[in-house]
Amino acid sequence: AYASTSSRLGSIVANWLCVKHNPLCGVGVKKLNEIVESYRISKGYYFFSNTNGLLMNYAIFGCVFGILYTILIILFVYKLTGNKKILFIFAKIIF
């Protein structure tokens, strides 16, 4: 259980640090694994794969495309469910 928890937490922290240090353009696909690995070692987390899909996109592409990606996910969920309440739920979470 510890390895799974550490892996997920480490993935969140490492991706968040990438976004924090490179908010507009991200770090790019090629450098992400290298940078995440250095954060993993420096923070002492145990993980072998980057499991956080949403934050990973922010880390790779930056906030501009990350926000666009998030909006597209929300619209996709709305199209699947057809439920307008889902838009309000996401709005409350974000704001």
PDB file of N, CA and C in Angstrom:
ATOM      1  N   ALA A   1       0.832  -1.190   0.000  1.00  0.00           N
ATOM      2  CA  ALA A   1       0.000   0.000   0.000  1.00  0.00           C
ATOM      3  C   ALA A   1       0.879   1.257   0.000  1.00  0.00           C
ATOM      4  N   TYR A   2       1.983   1.212   0.725  1.00  0.00           N
ATOM      5  CA  TYR A   2       2.849   2.396   0.801  1.00  0.00           C
ATOM      6  C   TYR A   2       3.396   2.771  -0.568  1.00  0.00           C
ATOM      7  N   ALA A   3       3.813   1.787  -1.354  1.00  0.00           N
ATOM      8  CA  ALA A   3       4.391   2.073  -2.666  1.00  0.00           C
ATOM      9  C   ALA A   3       3.367   2.724  -3.579  1.00  0.00           C
ATOM     10  N   SER A   4       2.126   2.264  -3.534  1.00  0.00           N
ATOM     11  CA  SER A   4       1.074   2.828  -4.372  1.00  0.00           C
ATOM     12  C   SER A   4       0.770   4.268  -3.959  1.00  0.00           C
ATOM     13  N   THR A   5       0.647   4.504  -2.674  1.00  0.00           N
ATOM     14  CA  THR A   5       0.372   5.855  -2.173  1.00  0.00           C
ATOM     15  C   THR A   5       1.524   6.789  -2.489  1.00  0.00           C
ATOM     16  N   SER A   6       2.727   6.348  -2.262  1.00  0.00           N
ATOM     17  CA  SER A   6       3.904   7.150  -2.542  1.00  0.00           C
ATOM     18  C   SER A   6       4.020   7.453  -4.031  1.00  0.00           C
ATOM     19  N   SER A   7       3.688   6.468  -4.849  1.00  0.00           N
ATOM     20  CA  SER A   7       3.752   6.649  -6.295  1.00  0.00           C
ATOM     21  C   SER A   7       2.775   7.725  -6.755  1.00  0.00           C
ATOM     22  N   ARG A   8       1.562   7.671  -6.272  1.00  0.00           N
ATOM     23  CA  ARG A   8       0.556   8.652  -6.675  1.00  0.00           C
ATOM     24  C   ARG A   8       0.884  10.040  -6.144  1.00  0.00           C
ATOM     25  N   LEU A   9       1.288  10.116  -4.903  1.00  0.00           N
ATOM     26  CA  LEU A   9       1.645  11.404  -4.320  1.00  0.00           C
ATOM     27  C   LEU A   9       2.873  11.984  -5.007  1.00  0.00           C
ATOM     28  N   GLY A  10       3.853  11.147  -5.274  1.00  0.00           N
ATOM     29  CA  GLY A  10       5.057  11.601  -5.968  1.00  0.00           C
ATOM     30  C   GLY A  10       4.759  12.107  -7.364  1.00  0.00           C
ATOM     31  N   SER A  11       3.834  11.454  -8.040  1.00  0.00           N
ATOM     32  CA  SER A  11       3.440  11.888  -9.373  1.00  0.00           C
ATOM     33  C   SER A  11       2.783  13.261  -9.320  1.00  0.00           C
ATOM     34  N   ILE A  12       1.936  13.489  -8.340  1.00  0.00           N
ATOM     35  CA  ILE A  12       1.282  14.798  -8.184  1.00  0.00           C
ATOM     36  C   ILE A  12       2.304  15.874  -7.877  1.00  0.00           C
ATOM     37  N   VAL A  13       3.179  15.608  -6.918  1.00  0.00           N
ATOM     38  CA  VAL A  13       4.172  16.605  -6.505  1.00  0.00           C
ATOM     39  C   VAL A  13       5.138  16.927  -7.641  1.00  0.00           C
ATOM     40  N   ALA A  14       5.647  15.922  -8.309  1.00  0.00           N
ATOM     41  CA  ALA A  14       6.620  16.138  -9.383  1.00  0.00           C
ATOM     42  C   ALA A  14       5.997  16.917 -10.546  1.00  0.00           C
ATOM     43  N   ASN A  15       4.784  16.543 -10.940  1.00  0.00           N
ATOM     44  CA  ASN A  15       4.127  17.275 -12.021  1.00  0.00           C
ATOM     45  C   ASN A  15       3.813  18.708 -11.609  1.00  0.00           C
ATOM     46  N   TRP A  16       3.366  18.883 -10.367  1.00  0.00           N
ATOM     47  CA  TRP A  16       3.067  20.230  -9.890  1.00  0.00           C
ATOM     48  C   TRP A  16       4.339  21.099  -9.891  1.00  0.00           C
ATOM     49  N   LEU A  17       5.465  20.545  -9.499  1.00  0.00           N
ATOM     50  CA  LEU A  17       6.710  21.312  -9.515  1.00  0.00           C
ATOM     51  C   LEU A  17       7.105  21.686 -10.942  1.00  0.00           C
ATOM     52  N   CYS A  18       6.858  20.787 -11.901  1.00  0.00           N
ATOM     53  CA  CYS A  18       7.124  21.120 -13.312  1.00  0.00           C
ATOM     54  C   CYS A  18       6.263  22.284 -13.754  1.00  0.00           C
ATOM     55  N   VAL A  19       4.978  22.265 -13.385  1.00  0.00           N
ATOM     56  CA  VAL A  19       4.064  23.352 -13.751  1.00  0.00           C
ATOM     57  C   VAL A  19       4.487  24.642 -13.056  1.00  0.00           C
ATOM     58  N   LYS A  20       4.859  24.537 -11.803  1.00  0.00           N
ATOM     59  CA  LYS A  20       5.260  25.717 -11.026  1.00  0.00           C
ATOM     60  C   LYS A  20       6.492  26.401 -11.622  1.00  0.00           C
ATOM     61  N   HIS A  21       7.445  25.616 -12.085  1.00  0.00           N
ATOM     62  CA  HIS A  21       8.683  26.186 -12.619  1.00  0.00           C
ATOM     63  C   HIS A  21       8.605  26.542 -14.098  1.00  0.00           C
ATOM     64  N   ASN A  22       7.624  25.986 -14.814  1.00  0.00           N
ATOM     65  CA  ASN A  22       7.460  26.252 -16.250  1.00  0.00           C
ATOM     66  C   ASN A  22       5.976  26.427 -16.573  1.00  0.00           C
ATOM     67  N   PRO A  23       5.345  27.496 -16.060  1.00  0.00           N
ATOM     68  CA  PRO A  23       3.887  27.596 -16.154  1.00  0.00           C
ATOM     69  C   PRO A  23       3.343  27.843 -17.560  1.00  0.00           C
ATOM     70  N   LEU A  24       4.014  28.587 -18.386  1.00  0.00           N
ATOM     71  CA  LEU A  24       3.442  28.937 -19.681  1.00  0.00           C
ATOM     72  C   LEU A  24       3.661  27.884 -20.745  1.00  0.00           C
ATOM     73  N   CYS A  25       4.878  27.429 -20.889  1.00  0.00           N
ATOM     74  CA  CYS A  25       5.207  26.520 -21.996  1.00  0.00           C
ATOM     75  C   CYS A  25       5.394  25.075 -21.562  1.00  0.00           C
ATOM     76  N   GLY A  26       5.452  24.793 -20.286  1.00  0.00           N
ATOM     77  CA  GLY A  26       5.697  23.432 -19.827  1.00  0.00           C
ATOM     78  C   GLY A  26       7.140  23.019 -20.071  1.00  0.00           C
ATOM     79  N   VAL A  27       7.421  21.768 -19.826  1.00  0.00           N
ATOM     80  CA  VAL A  27       8.791  21.276 -19.969  1.00  0.00           C
ATOM     81  C   VAL A  27       8.999  20.486 -21.253  1.00  0.00           C
ATOM     82  N   GLY A  28       7.929  20.094 -21.905  1.00  0.00           N
ATOM     83  CA  GLY A  28       8.038  19.318 -23.130  1.00  0.00           C
ATOM     84  C   GLY A  28       8.034  17.823 -22.856  1.00  0.00           C
ATOM     85  N   VAL A  29       7.703  17.075 -23.886  1.00  0.00           N
ATOM     86  CA  VAL A  29       7.561  15.627 -23.756  1.00  0.00           C
ATOM     87  C   VAL A  29       8.895  14.956 -23.458  1.00  0.00           C
ATOM     88  N   LYS A  30       9.952  15.372 -24.146  1.00  0.00           N
ATOM     89  CA  LYS A  30      11.253  14.704 -23.996  1.00  0.00           C
ATOM     90  C   LYS A  30      11.871  14.916 -22.622  1.00  0.00           C
ATOM     91  N   LYS A  31      11.694  16.090 -22.037  1.00  0.00           N
ATOM     92  CA  LYS A  31      12.333  16.388 -20.758  1.00  0.00           C
ATOM     93  C   LYS A  31      11.507  15.988 -19.544  1.00  0.00           C
ATOM     94  N   LEU A  32      10.231  15.691 -19.739  1.00  0.00           N
ATOM     95  CA  LEU A  32       9.369  15.432 -18.583  1.00  0.00           C
ATOM     96  C   LEU A  32       9.902  14.296 -17.716  1.00  0.00           C
ATOM     97  N   ASN A  33      10.200  13.147 -18.298  1.00  0.00           N
ATOM     98  CA  ASN A  33      10.666  12.010 -17.496  1.00  0.00           C
ATOM     99  C   ASN A  33      11.952  12.321 -16.742  1.00  0.00           C
ATOM    100  N   GLU A  34      12.866  13.024 -17.392  1.00  0.00           N
ATOM    101  CA  GLU A  34      14.132  13.394 -16.743  1.00  0.00           C
ATOM    102  C   GLU A  34      13.892  14.323 -15.551  1.00  0.00           C
ATOM    103  N   ILE A  35      13.044  15.321 -15.745  1.00  0.00           N
ATOM    104  CA  ILE A  35      12.779  16.289 -14.674  1.00  0.00           C
ATOM    105  C   ILE A  35      11.986  15.642 -13.543  1.00  0.00           C
ATOM    106  N   VAL A  36      10.973  14.844 -13.893  1.00  0.00           N
ATOM    107  CA  VAL A  36      10.183  14.152 -12.870  1.00  0.00           C
ATOM    108  C   VAL A  36      11.081  13.220 -12.057  1.00  0.00           C
ATOM    109  N   GLU A  37      11.994  12.548 -12.710  1.00  0.00           N
ATOM    110  CA  GLU A  37      12.923  11.654 -12.005  1.00  0.00           C
ATOM    111  C   GLU A  37      13.796  12.437 -11.024  1.00  0.00           C
ATOM    112  N   SER A  38      14.273  13.602 -11.433  1.00  0.00           N
ATOM    113  CA  SER A  38      15.105  14.404 -10.519  1.00  0.00           C
ATOM    114  C   SER A  38      14.292  14.897  -9.327  1.00  0.00           C
ATOM    115  N   TYR A  39      13.026  15.293  -9.551  1.00  0.00           N
ATOM    116  CA  TYR A  39      12.166  15.695  -8.436  1.00  0.00           C
ATOM    117  C   TYR A  39      11.870  14.508  -7.532  1.00  0.00           C
ATOM    118  N   ARG A  40      11.672  13.342  -8.134  1.00  0.00           N
ATOM    119  CA  ARG A  40      11.385  12.139  -7.358  1.00  0.00           C
ATOM    120  C   ARG A  40      12.532  11.833  -6.406  1.00  0.00           C
ATOM    121  N   ILE A  41      13.738  11.899  -6.919  1.00  0.00           N
ATOM    122  CA  ILE A  41      14.915  11.605  -6.099  1.00  0.00           C
ATOM    123  C   ILE A  41      15.097  12.667  -5.018  1.00  0.00           C
ATOM    124  N   SER A  42      14.949  13.948  -5.387  1.00  0.00           N
ATOM    125  CA  SER A  42      15.183  15.022  -4.420  1.00  0.00           C
ATOM    126  C   SER A  42      14.126  15.053  -3.319  1.00  0.00           C
ATOM    127  N   LYS A  43      12.897  14.648  -3.631  1.00  0.00           N
ATOM    128  CA  LYS A  43      11.823  14.669  -2.629  1.00  0.00           C
ATOM    129  C   LYS A  43      11.643  13.329  -1.923  1.00  0.00           C
ATOM    130  N   GLY A  44      12.318  12.281  -2.410  1.00  0.00           N
ATOM    131  CA  GLY A  44      12.283  10.984  -1.742  1.00  0.00           C
ATOM    132  C   GLY A  44      11.046  10.149  -2.009  1.00  0.00           C
ATOM    133  N   TYR A  45      10.392  10.367  -3.154  1.00  0.00           N
ATOM    134  CA  TYR A  45       9.209   9.575  -3.479  1.00  0.00           C
ATOM    135  C   TYR A  45       9.600   8.330  -4.256  1.00  0.00           C
ATOM    136  N   TYR A  46       8.760   7.323  -4.125  1.00  0.00           N
ATOM    137  CA  TYR A  46       8.987   6.043  -4.793  1.00  0.00           C
ATOM    138  C   TYR A  46       7.940   5.880  -5.891  1.00  0.00           C
ATOM    139  N   PHE A  47       8.335   6.056  -7.144  1.00  0.00           N
ATOM    140  CA  PHE A  47       7.423   5.736  -8.228  1.00  0.00           C
ATOM    141  C   PHE A  47       8.200   5.516  -9.511  1.00  0.00           C
ATOM    142  N   PHE A  48       7.608   4.684 -10.368  1.00  0.00           N
ATOM    143  CA  PHE A  48       8.267   4.333 -11.625  1.00  0.00           C
ATOM    144  C   PHE A  48       7.542   4.873 -12.844  1.00  0.00           C
ATOM    145  N   SER A  49       6.279   5.252 -12.684  1.00  0.00           N
ATOM    146  CA  SER A  49       5.544   5.790 -13.825  1.00  0.00           C
ATOM    147  C   SER A  49       4.771   7.026 -13.397  1.00  0.00           C
ATOM    148  N   ASN A  50       4.572   7.900 -14.349  1.00  0.00           N
ATOM    149  CA  ASN A  50       3.849   9.141 -14.105  1.00  0.00           C
ATOM    150  C   ASN A  50       2.365   8.855 -14.294  1.00  0.00           C
ATOM    151  N   THR A  51       1.628   8.748 -13.192  1.00  0.00           N
ATOM    152  CA  THR A  51       0.254   8.256 -13.249  1.00  0.00           C
ATOM    153  C   THR A  51      -0.801   9.353 -13.280  1.00  0.00           C
ATOM    154  N   ASN A  52      -0.411  10.601 -13.203  1.00  0.00           N
ATOM    155  CA  ASN A  52      -1.390  11.673 -13.138  1.00  0.00           C
ATOM    156  C   ASN A  52      -1.580  12.303 -14.515  1.00  0.00           C
ATOM    157  N   GLY A  53      -2.614  11.882 -15.227  1.00  0.00           N
ATOM    158  CA  GLY A  53      -2.828  12.317 -16.604  1.00  0.00           C
ATOM    159  C   GLY A  53      -3.099  13.795 -16.761  1.00  0.00           C
ATOM    160  N   LEU A  54      -3.928  14.367 -15.899  1.00  0.00           N
ATOM    161  CA  LEU A  54      -4.281  15.777 -16.037  1.00  0.00           C
ATOM    162  C   LEU A  54      -3.087  16.679 -15.735  1.00  0.00           C
ATOM    163  N   LEU A  55      -2.449  16.473 -14.605  1.00  0.00           N
ATOM    164  CA  LEU A  55      -1.291  17.307 -14.259  1.00  0.00           C
ATOM    165  C   LEU A  55      -0.118  17.068 -15.197  1.00  0.00           C
ATOM    166  N   MET A  56      -0.016  15.864 -15.720  1.00  0.00           N
ATOM    167  CA  MET A  56       1.058  15.567 -16.656  1.00  0.00           C
ATOM    168  C   MET A  56       0.923  16.435 -17.918  1.00  0.00           C
ATOM    169  N   ASN A  57      -0.304  16.643 -18.388  1.00  0.00           N
ATOM    170  CA  ASN A  57      -0.505  17.506 -19.546  1.00  0.00           C
ATOM    171  C   ASN A  57      -0.148  18.954 -19.245  1.00  0.00           C
ATOM    172  N   TYR A  58      -0.459  19.424 -18.054  1.00  0.00           N
ATOM    173  CA  TYR A  58      -0.043  20.773 -17.653  1.00  0.00           C
ATOM    174  C   TYR A  58       1.479  20.850 -17.609  1.00  0.00           C
ATOM    175  N   ALA A  59       2.126  19.831 -17.070  1.00  0.00           N
ATOM    176  CA  ALA A  59       3.593  19.828 -16.965  1.00  0.00           C
ATOM    177  C   ALA A  59       4.248  19.796 -18.336  1.00  0.00           C
ATOM    178  N   ILE A  60       3.692  19.034 -19.264  1.00  0.00           N
ATOM    179  CA  ILE A  60       4.291  18.918 -20.594  1.00  0.00           C
ATOM    180  C   ILE A  60       4.040  20.162 -21.432  1.00  0.00           C
ATOM    181  N   PHE A  61       2.788  20.615 -21.481  1.00  0.00           N
ATOM    182  CA  PHE A  61       2.394  21.660 -22.429  1.00  0.00           C
ATOM    183  C   PHE A  61       2.198  23.041 -21.824  1.00  0.00           C
ATOM    184  N   GLY A  62       2.199  23.159 -20.495  1.00  0.00           N
ATOM    185  CA  GLY A  62       2.001  24.452 -19.856  1.00  0.00           C
ATOM    186  C   GLY A  62       0.533  24.719 -19.559  1.00  0.00           C
ATOM    187  N   CYS A  63       0.279  25.847 -18.928  1.00  0.00           N
ATOM    188  CA  CYS A  63      -1.075  26.161 -18.464  1.00  0.00           C
ATOM    189  C   CYS A  63      -2.036  26.516 -19.593  1.00  0.00           C
ATOM    190  N   VAL A  64      -1.547  27.139 -20.649  1.00  0.00           N
ATOM    191  CA  VAL A  64      -2.444  27.538 -21.737  1.00  0.00           C
ATOM    192  C   VAL A  64      -3.103  26.305 -22.346  1.00  0.00           C
ATOM    193  N   PHE A  65      -2.312  25.351 -22.770  1.00  0.00           N
ATOM    194  CA  PHE A  65      -2.872  24.135 -23.346  1.00  0.00           C
ATOM    195  C   PHE A  65      -3.465  23.221 -22.275  1.00  0.00           C
ATOM    196  N   GLY A  66      -2.960  23.318 -21.054  1.00  0.00           N
ATOM    197  CA  GLY A  66      -3.532  22.533 -19.962  1.00  0.00           C
ATOM    198  C   GLY A  66      -4.966  22.938 -19.669  1.00  0.00           C
ATOM    199  N   ILE A  67      -5.218  24.250 -19.657  1.00  0.00           N
ATOM    200  CA  ILE A  67      -6.578  24.734 -19.435  1.00  0.00           C
ATOM    201  C   ILE A  67      -7.484  24.317 -20.591  1.00  0.00           C
ATOM    202  N   LEU A  68      -6.987  24.434 -21.812  1.00  0.00           N
ATOM    203  CA  LEU A  68      -7.756  23.996 -22.973  1.00  0.00           C
ATOM    204  C   LEU A  68      -8.079  22.504 -22.874  1.00  0.00           C
ATOM    205  N   TYR A  69      -7.108  21.710 -22.481  1.00  0.00           N
ATOM    206  CA  TYR A  69      -7.289  20.273 -22.312  1.00  0.00           C
ATOM    207  C   TYR A  69      -8.362  19.979 -21.257  1.00  0.00           C
ATOM    208  N   THR A  70      -8.318  20.703 -20.144  1.00  0.00           N
ATOM    209  CA  THR A  70      -9.299  20.518 -19.078  1.00  0.00           C
ATOM    210  C   THR A  70     -10.702  20.869 -19.560  1.00  0.00           C
ATOM    211  N   ILE A  71     -10.826  21.966 -20.276  1.00  0.00           N
ATOM    212  CA  ILE A  71     -12.129  22.370 -20.810  1.00  0.00           C
ATOM    213  C   ILE A  71     -12.661  21.315 -21.776  1.00  0.00           C
ATOM    214  N   LEU A  72     -11.779  20.776 -22.617  1.00  0.00           N
ATOM    215  CA  LEU A  72     -12.219  19.745 -23.563  1.00  0.00           C
ATOM    216  C   LEU A  72     -12.663  18.472 -22.851  1.00  0.00           C
ATOM    217  N   ILE A  73     -12.014  18.116 -21.760  1.00  0.00           N
ATOM    218  CA  ILE A  73     -12.435  16.953 -20.976  1.00  0.00           C
ATOM    219  C   ILE A  73     -13.831  17.203 -20.392  1.00  0.00           C
ATOM    220  N   ILE A  74     -14.036  18.400 -19.851  1.00  0.00           N
ATOM    221  CA  ILE A  74     -15.342  18.741 -19.277  1.00  0.00           C
ATOM    222  C   ILE A  74     -16.431  18.675 -20.346  1.00  0.00           C
ATOM    223  N   LEU A  75     -16.160  19.237 -21.520  1.00  0.00           N
ATOM    224  CA  LEU A  75     -17.148  19.205 -22.602  1.00  0.00           C
ATOM    225  C   LEU A  75     -17.405  17.776 -23.091  1.00  0.00           C
ATOM    226  N   PHE A  76     -16.363  16.959 -23.109  1.00  0.00           N
ATOM    227  CA  PHE A  76     -16.516  15.561 -23.504  1.00  0.00           C
ATOM    228  C   PHE A  76     -17.425  14.814 -22.525  1.00  0.00           C
ATOM    229  N   VAL A  77     -17.204  15.034 -21.233  1.00  0.00           N
ATOM    230  CA  VAL A  77     -18.049  14.398 -20.223  1.00  0.00           C
ATOM    231  C   VAL A  77     -19.487  14.876 -20.370  1.00  0.00           C
ATOM    232  N   TYR A  78     -19.663  16.162 -20.645  1.00  0.00           N
ATOM    233  CA  TYR A  78     -21.015  16.702 -20.850  1.00  0.00           C
ATOM    234  C   TYR A  78     -21.683  16.039 -22.055  1.00  0.00           C
ATOM    235  N   LYS A  79     -20.937  15.872 -23.136  1.00  0.00           N
ATOM    236  CA  LYS A  79     -21.490  15.219 -24.330  1.00  0.00           C
ATOM    237  C   LYS A  79     -21.872  13.766 -24.043  1.00  0.00           C
ATOM    238  N   LEU A  80     -21.056  13.087 -23.251  1.00  0.00           N
ATOM    239  CA  LEU A  80     -21.357  11.694 -22.916  1.00  0.00           C
ATOM    240  C   LEU A  80     -22.593  11.572 -22.039  1.00  0.00           C
ATOM    241  N   THR A  81     -22.715  12.452 -21.054  1.00  0.00           N
ATOM    242  CA  THR A  81     -23.804  12.330 -20.094  1.00  0.00           C
ATOM    243  C   THR A  81     -25.041  13.106 -20.522  1.00  0.00           C
ATOM    244  N   GLY A  82     -24.853  14.219 -21.213  1.00  0.00           N
ATOM    245  CA  GLY A  82     -25.979  15.068 -21.579  1.00  0.00           C
ATOM    246  C   GLY A  82     -26.583  15.774 -20.390  1.00  0.00           C
ATOM    247  N   ASN A  83     -25.890  15.779 -19.276  1.00  0.00           N
ATOM    248  CA  ASN A  83     -26.382  16.348 -18.037  1.00  0.00           C
ATOM    249  C   ASN A  83     -25.722  17.705 -17.796  1.00  0.00           C
ATOM    250  N   LYS A  84     -26.519  18.771 -17.773  1.00  0.00           N
ATOM    251  CA  LYS A  84     -25.962  20.110 -17.572  1.00  0.00           C
ATOM    252  C   LYS A  84     -25.416  20.299 -16.158  1.00  0.00           C
ATOM    253  N   LYS A  85     -25.871  19.495 -15.211  1.00  0.00           N
ATOM    254  CA  LYS A  85     -25.373  19.607 -13.841  1.00  0.00           C
ATOM    255  C   LYS A  85     -23.872  19.342 -13.774  1.00  0.00           C
ATOM    256  N   ILE A  86     -23.381  18.508 -14.681  1.00  0.00           N
ATOM    257  CA  ILE A  86     -21.953  18.169 -14.678  1.00  0.00           C
ATOM    258  C   ILE A  86     -21.101  19.414 -14.907  1.00  0.00           C
ATOM    259  N   LEU A  87     -21.600  20.355 -15.716  1.00  0.00           N
ATOM    260  CA  LEU A  87     -20.871  21.602 -15.965  1.00  0.00           C
ATOM    261  C   LEU A  87     -20.779  22.430 -14.687  1.00  0.00           C
ATOM    262  N   PHE A  88     -21.858  22.462 -13.916  1.00  0.00           N
ATOM    263  CA  PHE A  88     -21.851  23.217 -12.659  1.00  0.00           C
ATOM    264  C   PHE A  88     -20.954  22.562 -11.617  1.00  0.00           C
ATOM    265  N   ILE A  89     -20.918  21.238 -11.610  1.00  0.00           N
ATOM    266  CA  ILE A  89     -20.047  20.529 -10.672  1.00  0.00           C
ATOM    267  C   ILE A  89     -18.585  20.861 -10.968  1.00  0.00           C
ATOM    268  N   PHE A  90     -18.178  20.802 -12.249  1.00  0.00           N
ATOM    269  CA  PHE A  90     -16.816  21.143 -12.609  1.00  0.00           C
ATOM    270  C   PHE A  90     -16.524  22.609 -12.319  1.00  0.00           C
ATOM    271  N   ALA A  91     -17.485  23.495 -12.555  1.00  0.00           N
ATOM    272  CA  ALA A  91     -17.284  24.917 -12.280  1.00  0.00           C
ATOM    273  C   ALA A  91     -17.062  25.152 -10.793  1.00  0.00           C
ATOM    274  N   LYS A  92     -17.808  24.458  -9.948  1.00  0.00           N
ATOM    275  CA  LYS A  92     -17.624  24.608  -8.500  1.00  0.00           C
ATOM    276  C   LYS A  92     -16.270  24.078  -8.049  1.00  0.00           C
ATOM    277  N   ILE A  93     -15.818  22.993  -8.677  1.00  0.00           N
ATOM    278  CA  ILE A  93     -14.517  22.432  -8.327  1.00  0.00           C
ATOM    279  C   ILE A  93     -13.396  23.388  -8.733  1.00  0.00           C
ATOM    280  N   ILE A  94     -13.517  23.948  -9.929  1.00  0.00           N
ATOM    281  CA  ILE A  94     -12.461  24.819 -10.445  1.00  0.00           C
ATOM    282  C   ILE A  94     -12.452  26.178  -9.761  1.00  0.00           C
ATOM    283  N   PHE A  95     -13.618  26.729  -9.555  1.00  0.00           N
ATOM    284  CA  PHE A  95     -13.685  28.084  -8.968  1.00  0.00           C
ATOM    285  C   PHE A  95     -14.100  27.965  -7.544  1.00  0.00           C
TER     286      PHE A  95
END
